[in-house]
Amino acid sequence: TFVFLQQVGVGTTLEWERLQKATTRPLGVLVGLAMQLAVLPFLGYSLSRALSIEGDAAIGLMFIATAPGGTGSNVVTYLAGGDTSLSATMTLATSTCAFVSWPALLTSYLAVTPCADFTIPLGTMLTTVLLQTAIPLGIGLAWKRRMAGKEQPRSLVRFRKGIIAVALAGIVAAAPASSASGLLVITWDL
């Protein structure tokens, strides 16, 4: 719920023209995809080899290094005053590519790493992309477009910022509780 509300708030900050620009001038998106699909996985793999990380820890590191960009980047971009339209486009682009890239990258990197079997939850990925990214961003963008040409009261702008802040606080507060049972301490000799 918090992530959904947060992304609706981010969606209200998107600019339709900037989203369209990503299709006509895709250089920023292509550079971002190259970083996400080539550089980050390579750095993750290099780090796992340099620190002799193996087994489940290697799988976890490579899951993170090869995973698509998440909704958190949209919020951080918004809070930093960055280009939320580019961030949202990157999130959707990497999430869409992930249906092919994530299994391919994980399989290739982990083929040379001693580790246990793993599965990639493609159904869960699709649900997450739709419910936590595409649909709420679309709702926010539609809301903004509907309000186009109308003077937005200051209370609406404050509400948007408030919804993003409250949702972010809810996510931060809920994260430790939701993952407490799965905490794993990993140690290695340096």
C-alpha atoms as a PDB file:
ATOM      1  CA  THR A   1       0.000   0.000   0.000  1.00  0.00           C
ATOM      2  CA  PHE A   2       2.764   2.428   0.937  1.00  0.00           C
ATOM      3  CA  VAL A   3       4.706   1.761  -2.261  1.00  0.00           C
ATOM      4  CA  PHE A   4       1.540   2.119  -4.355  1.00  0.00           C
ATOM      5  CA  LEU A   5       0.668   5.482  -2.752  1.00  0.00           C
ATOM      6  CA  GLN A   6       4.252   6.634  -3.035  1.00  0.00           C
ATOM      7  CA  GLN A   7       4.336   5.879  -6.763  1.00  0.00           C
ATOM      8  CA  VAL A   8       0.964   7.613  -7.334  1.00  0.00           C
ATOM      9  CA  GLY A   9       2.555  10.679  -5.740  1.00  0.00           C
ATOM     10  CA  VAL A  10       5.629  10.341  -7.952  1.00  0.00           C
ATOM     11  CA  GLY A  11       3.329   9.879 -10.970  1.00  0.00           C
ATOM     12  CA  THR A  12       1.833  13.313 -10.315  1.00  0.00           C
ATOM     13  CA  THR A  13       5.293  14.806 -10.812  1.00  0.00           C
ATOM     14  CA  LEU A  14       5.872  13.195 -14.210  1.00  0.00           C
ATOM     15  CA  GLU A  15       5.872  15.261 -17.369  1.00  0.00           C
ATOM     16  CA  TRP A  16       4.232  13.629 -20.388  1.00  0.00           C
ATOM     17  CA  GLU A  17       6.535  15.479 -22.782  1.00  0.00           C
ATOM     18  CA  ARG A  18       9.631  14.168 -20.965  1.00  0.00           C
ATOM     19  CA  LEU A  19       8.253  10.614 -21.104  1.00  0.00           C
ATOM     20  CA  GLN A  20       7.674  10.959 -24.846  1.00  0.00           C
ATOM     21  CA  LYS A  21      11.199  12.332 -25.282  1.00  0.00           C
ATOM     22  CA  ALA A  22      12.574   9.002 -24.034  1.00  0.00           C
ATOM     23  CA  THR A  23      11.195   7.354 -27.178  1.00  0.00           C
ATOM     24  CA  THR A  24      12.407  10.004 -29.608  1.00  0.00           C
ATOM     25  CA  ARG A  25      15.773  10.685 -27.927  1.00  0.00           C
ATOM     26  CA  PRO A  26      16.555   7.513 -25.977  1.00  0.00           C
ATOM     27  CA  LEU A  27      20.246   8.166 -25.223  1.00  0.00           C
ATOM     28  CA  GLY A  28      19.699   8.696 -21.475  1.00  0.00           C
ATOM     29  CA  VAL A  29      17.626   5.538 -21.196  1.00  0.00           C
ATOM     30  CA  LEU A  30      20.123   3.517 -23.263  1.00  0.00           C
ATOM     31  CA  VAL A  31      23.048   4.684 -21.112  1.00  0.00           C
ATOM     32  CA  GLY A  32      21.072   3.808 -17.986  1.00  0.00           C
ATOM     33  CA  LEU A  33      20.199   0.378 -19.377  1.00  0.00           C
ATOM     34  CA  ALA A  34      23.847  -0.277 -20.247  1.00  0.00           C
ATOM     35  CA  MET A  35      24.850   0.562 -16.683  1.00  0.00           C
ATOM     36  CA  GLN A  36      22.047  -1.523 -15.191  1.00  0.00           C
ATOM     37  CA  LEU A  37      22.478  -4.537 -17.461  1.00  0.00           C
ATOM     38  CA  ALA A  38      26.263  -4.607 -17.939  1.00  0.00           C
ATOM     39  CA  VAL A  39      28.203  -2.527 -15.430  1.00  0.00           C
ATOM     40  CA  LEU A  40      26.299  -3.348 -12.213  1.00  0.00           C
ATOM     41  CA  PRO A  41      26.262  -7.120 -12.772  1.00  0.00           C
ATOM     42  CA  PHE A  42      29.978  -7.055 -13.634  1.00  0.00           C
ATOM     43  CA  LEU A  43      30.757  -5.069 -10.475  1.00  0.00           C
ATOM     44  CA  GLY A  44      28.645  -7.439  -8.371  1.00  0.00           C
ATOM     45  CA  TYR A  45      30.407 -10.467  -9.800  1.00  0.00           C
ATOM     46  CA  SER A  46      33.829  -8.842  -9.392  1.00  0.00           C
ATOM     47  CA  LEU A  47      33.039  -7.991  -5.776  1.00  0.00           C
ATOM     48  CA  SER A  48      31.904 -11.548  -5.049  1.00  0.00           C
ATOM     49  CA  ARG A  49      35.139 -12.949  -6.508  1.00  0.00           C
ATOM     50  CA  ALA A  50      37.381 -10.375  -4.815  1.00  0.00           C
ATOM     51  CA  LEU A  51      35.818 -11.063  -1.404  1.00  0.00           C
ATOM     52  CA  SER A  52      35.455 -14.838  -2.000  1.00  0.00           C
ATOM     53  CA  ILE A  53      31.710 -14.707  -1.457  1.00  0.00           C
ATOM     54  CA  GLU A  54      30.089 -18.056  -2.241  1.00  0.00           C
ATOM     55  CA  GLY A  55      26.853 -19.987  -1.838  1.00  0.00           C
ATOM     56  CA  ASP A  56      23.671 -18.215  -0.843  1.00  0.00           C
ATOM     57  CA  ALA A  57      25.546 -14.970  -0.226  1.00  0.00           C
ATOM     58  CA  ALA A  58      26.831 -15.027  -3.838  1.00  0.00           C
ATOM     59  CA  ILE A  59      23.300 -15.644  -5.089  1.00  0.00           C
ATOM     60  CA  GLY A  60      22.005 -12.753  -2.980  1.00  0.00           C
ATOM     61  CA  LEU A  61      24.690 -10.381  -4.204  1.00  0.00           C
ATOM     62  CA  MET A  62      24.071 -11.303  -7.833  1.00  0.00           C
ATOM     63  CA  PHE A  63      20.283 -11.044  -7.378  1.00  0.00           C
ATOM     64  CA  ILE A  64      20.810  -7.456  -6.227  1.00  0.00           C
ATOM     65  CA  ALA A  65      23.427  -6.622  -8.872  1.00  0.00           C
ATOM     66  CA  THR A  66      21.301  -7.946 -11.742  1.00  0.00           C
ATOM     67  CA  ALA A  67      17.871  -6.876 -10.478  1.00  0.00           C
ATOM     68  CA  PRO A  68      15.971  -4.113 -12.262  1.00  0.00           C
ATOM     69  CA  GLY A  69      15.832  -0.616 -10.822  1.00  0.00           C
ATOM     70  CA  GLY A  70      13.178  -0.169  -8.171  1.00  0.00           C
ATOM     71  CA  THR A  71      10.578   2.344  -7.160  1.00  0.00           C
ATOM     72  CA  GLY A  72      12.859   3.762  -4.473  1.00  0.00           C
ATOM     73  CA  SER A  73      14.987   5.411  -7.136  1.00  0.00           C
ATOM     74  CA  ASN A  74      11.948   7.387  -8.286  1.00  0.00           C
ATOM     75  CA  VAL A  75      11.415   8.769  -4.781  1.00  0.00           C
ATOM     76  CA  VAL A  76      15.081   9.599  -4.249  1.00  0.00           C
ATOM     77  CA  THR A  77      15.142  11.324  -7.643  1.00  0.00           C
ATOM     78  CA  TYR A  78      12.050  13.341  -6.706  1.00  0.00           C
ATOM     79  CA  LEU A  79      13.429  14.303  -3.291  1.00  0.00           C
ATOM     80  CA  ALA A  80      16.741  15.322  -4.880  1.00  0.00           C
ATOM     81  CA  GLY A  81      14.960  17.498  -7.444  1.00  0.00           C
ATOM     82  CA  GLY A  82      16.055  15.259 -10.321  1.00  0.00           C
ATOM     83  CA  ASP A  83      14.294  14.203 -13.500  1.00  0.00           C
ATOM     84  CA  THR A  84      11.499  11.959 -12.197  1.00  0.00           C
ATOM     85  CA  SER A  85      10.272  11.295 -15.727  1.00  0.00           C
ATOM     86  CA  LEU A  86      13.651   9.830 -16.696  1.00  0.00           C
ATOM     87  CA  SER A  87      13.801   7.872 -13.436  1.00  0.00           C
ATOM     88  CA  ALA A  88      10.316   6.415 -13.981  1.00  0.00           C
ATOM     89  CA  THR A  89      11.183   5.583 -17.589  1.00  0.00           C
ATOM     90  CA  MET A  90      14.344   3.809 -16.406  1.00  0.00           C
ATOM     91  CA  THR A  91      12.408   1.881 -13.757  1.00  0.00           C
ATOM     92  CA  LEU A  92       9.877   0.698 -16.329  1.00  0.00           C
ATOM     93  CA  ALA A  93      12.570  -0.032 -18.948  1.00  0.00           C
ATOM     94  CA  THR A  94      14.783  -2.069 -16.611  1.00  0.00           C
ATOM     95  CA  SER A  95      11.761  -3.867 -15.166  1.00  0.00           C
ATOM     96  CA  THR A  96      10.551  -4.775 -18.657  1.00  0.00           C
ATOM     97  CA  CYS A  97      14.015  -5.927 -19.761  1.00  0.00           C
ATOM     98  CA  ALA A  98      14.356  -7.924 -16.541  1.00  0.00           C
ATOM     99  CA  PHE A  99      12.048 -10.661 -17.775  1.00  0.00           C
ATOM    100  CA  VAL A 100      14.852 -11.671 -20.138  1.00  0.00           C
ATOM    101  CA  SER A 101      17.949 -10.044 -18.660  1.00  0.00           C
ATOM    102  CA  TRP A 102      17.552 -11.169 -15.052  1.00  0.00           C
ATOM    103  CA  PRO A 103      17.411 -14.923 -15.765  1.00  0.00           C
ATOM    104  CA  ALA A 104      20.120 -14.649 -18.443  1.00  0.00           C
ATOM    105  CA  LEU A 105      22.508 -12.605 -16.287  1.00  0.00           C
ATOM    106  CA  LEU A 106      21.970 -14.683 -13.157  1.00  0.00           C
ATOM    107  CA  THR A 107      22.389 -17.943 -15.014  1.00  0.00           C
ATOM    108  CA  SER A 108      25.590 -16.811 -16.717  1.00  0.00           C
ATOM    109  CA  TYR A 109      27.202 -15.228 -13.649  1.00  0.00           C
ATOM    110  CA  LEU A 110      26.197 -17.964 -11.241  1.00  0.00           C
ATOM    111  CA  ALA A 111      27.240 -20.737 -13.644  1.00  0.00           C
ATOM    112  CA  VAL A 112      30.842 -19.997 -12.672  1.00  0.00           C
ATOM    113  CA  THR A 113      30.053 -19.520  -8.973  1.00  0.00           C
ATOM    114  CA  PRO A 114      29.715 -22.438  -6.581  1.00  0.00           C
ATOM    115  CA  CYS A 115      26.215 -22.023  -5.144  1.00  0.00           C
ATOM    116  CA  ALA A 116      22.914 -23.713  -4.514  1.00  0.00           C
ATOM    117  CA  ASP A 117      20.039 -23.838  -7.001  1.00  0.00           C
ATOM    118  CA  PHE A 118      17.881 -20.775  -7.368  1.00  0.00           C
ATOM    119  CA  THR A 119      14.633 -19.817  -9.036  1.00  0.00           C
ATOM    120  CA  ILE A 120      13.521 -16.492 -10.423  1.00  0.00           C
ATOM    121  CA  PRO A 121       9.939 -15.583  -9.529  1.00  0.00           C
ATOM    122  CA  LEU A 122       8.831 -14.218 -12.921  1.00  0.00           C
ATOM    123  CA  GLY A 123       5.141 -14.183 -11.947  1.00  0.00           C
ATOM    124  CA  THR A 124       5.919 -12.162  -8.842  1.00  0.00           C
ATOM    125  CA  MET A 125       8.063  -9.820 -10.941  1.00  0.00           C
ATOM    126  CA  LEU A 126       5.182  -9.151 -13.321  1.00  0.00           C
ATOM    127  CA  THR A 127       2.787  -8.476 -10.463  1.00  0.00           C
ATOM    128  CA  THR A 128       5.299  -6.166  -8.805  1.00  0.00           C
ATOM    129  CA  VAL A 129       6.014  -4.208 -11.991  1.00  0.00           C
ATOM    130  CA  LEU A 130       2.314  -3.711 -12.590  1.00  0.00           C
ATOM    131  CA  LEU A 131       1.090  -3.058  -9.036  1.00  0.00           C
ATOM    132  CA  GLN A 132       4.048  -1.130  -7.675  1.00  0.00           C
ATOM    133  CA  THR A 133       5.256   0.723 -10.739  1.00  0.00           C
ATOM    134  CA  ALA A 134       3.205   0.916 -13.934  1.00  0.00           C
ATOM    135  CA  ILE A 135      -0.325   1.224 -12.531  1.00  0.00           C
ATOM    136  CA  PRO A 136       0.360   3.756  -9.733  1.00  0.00           C
ATOM    137  CA  LEU A 137       2.620   5.893 -11.935  1.00  0.00           C
ATOM    138  CA  GLY A 138      -0.117   5.811 -14.585  1.00  0.00           C
ATOM    139  CA  ILE A 139      -2.751   6.861 -12.054  1.00  0.00           C
ATOM    140  CA  GLY A 140      -0.584   9.738 -10.866  1.00  0.00           C
ATOM    141  CA  LEU A 141       0.196  10.839 -14.422  1.00  0.00           C
ATOM    142  CA  ALA A 142      -3.493  10.653 -15.388  1.00  0.00           C
ATOM    143  CA  TRP A 143      -4.400  12.700 -12.322  1.00  0.00           C
ATOM    144  CA  LYS A 144      -1.834  15.330 -13.277  1.00  0.00           C
ATOM    145  CA  ARG A 145      -3.011  15.411 -16.905  1.00  0.00           C
ATOM    146  CA  ARG A 146      -6.615  15.781 -15.773  1.00  0.00           C
ATOM    147  CA  MET A 147      -5.580  18.758 -13.655  1.00  0.00           C
ATOM    148  CA  ALA A 148      -3.605  20.313 -16.560  1.00  0.00           C
ATOM    149  CA  GLY A 149      -4.652  23.862 -17.274  1.00  0.00           C
ATOM    150  CA  LYS A 150      -6.353  24.122 -13.906  1.00  0.00           C
ATOM    151  CA  GLU A 151      -4.650  25.948 -11.147  1.00  0.00           C
ATOM    152  CA  GLN A 152      -3.495  23.426  -8.632  1.00  0.00           C
ATOM    153  CA  PRO A 153      -4.082  24.663  -5.126  1.00  0.00           C
ATOM    154  CA  ARG A 154      -1.056  24.764  -2.842  1.00  0.00           C
ATOM    155  CA  SER A 155      -2.826  22.221  -0.666  1.00  0.00           C
ATOM    156  CA  LEU A 156      -2.708  19.693  -3.531  1.00  0.00           C
ATOM    157  CA  VAL A 157       1.032  20.214  -4.002  1.00  0.00           C
ATOM    158  CA  ARG A 158       1.563  19.820  -0.236  1.00  0.00           C
ATOM    159  CA  PHE A 159      -0.672  16.733  -0.283  1.00  0.00           C
ATOM    160  CA  ARG A 160       1.473  15.180  -3.034  1.00  0.00           C
ATOM    161  CA  LYS A 161       4.668  15.832  -1.110  1.00  0.00           C
ATOM    162  CA  GLY A 162       3.013  14.599   2.063  1.00  0.00           C
ATOM    163  CA  ILE A 163       1.816  11.348   0.505  1.00  0.00           C
ATOM    164  CA  ILE A 164       5.316  10.623  -0.788  1.00  0.00           C
ATOM    165  CA  ALA A 165       6.889  11.418   2.590  1.00  0.00           C
ATOM    166  CA  VAL A 166       4.342   9.395   4.613  1.00  0.00           C
ATOM    167  CA  ALA A 167       4.598   6.451   2.232  1.00  0.00           C
ATOM    168  CA  LEU A 168       8.397   6.541   2.410  1.00  0.00           C
ATOM    169  CA  ALA A 169       8.258   6.657   6.219  1.00  0.00           C
ATOM    170  CA  GLY A 170       5.842   3.714   6.208  1.00  0.00           C
ATOM    171  CA  ILE A 171       8.140   1.680   3.983  1.00  0.00           C
ATOM    172  CA  VAL A 172      11.163   2.452   6.150  1.00  0.00           C
ATOM    173  CA  ALA A 173       9.223   1.616   9.332  1.00  0.00           C
ATOM    174  CA  ALA A 174       7.766  -1.613   7.926  1.00  0.00           C
ATOM    175  CA  ALA A 175      10.940  -2.965   6.298  1.00  0.00           C
ATOM    176  CA  PRO A 176      12.689  -4.273   9.427  1.00  0.00           C
ATOM    177  CA  ALA A 177       9.537  -5.959  10.694  1.00  0.00           C
ATOM    178  CA  SER A 178       8.777  -7.645   7.376  1.00  0.00           C
ATOM    179  CA  SER A 179      12.273  -9.024   6.949  1.00  0.00           C
ATOM    180  CA  ALA A 180      13.251  -9.712  10.560  1.00  0.00           C
ATOM    181  CA  SER A 181      12.626 -13.436  10.247  1.00  0.00           C
ATOM    182  CA  GLY A 182      14.855 -13.643   7.184  1.00  0.00           C
ATOM    183  CA  LEU A 183      17.869 -11.793   8.526  1.00  0.00           C
ATOM    184  CA  LEU A 184      21.094 -13.614   7.859  1.00  0.00           C
ATOM    185  CA  VAL A 185      24.481 -12.680   9.193  1.00  0.00           C
ATOM    186  CA  ILE A 186      27.218 -13.230   6.649  1.00  0.00           C
ATOM    187  CA  THR A 187      30.864 -13.164   7.602  1.00  0.00           C
ATOM    188  CA  TRP A 188      34.014 -13.614   5.594  1.00  0.00           C
ATOM    189  CA  ASP A 189      37.717 -13.264   6.151  1.00  0.00           C
ATOM    190  CA  LEU A 190      39.394 -10.313   4.501  1.00  0.00           C
END
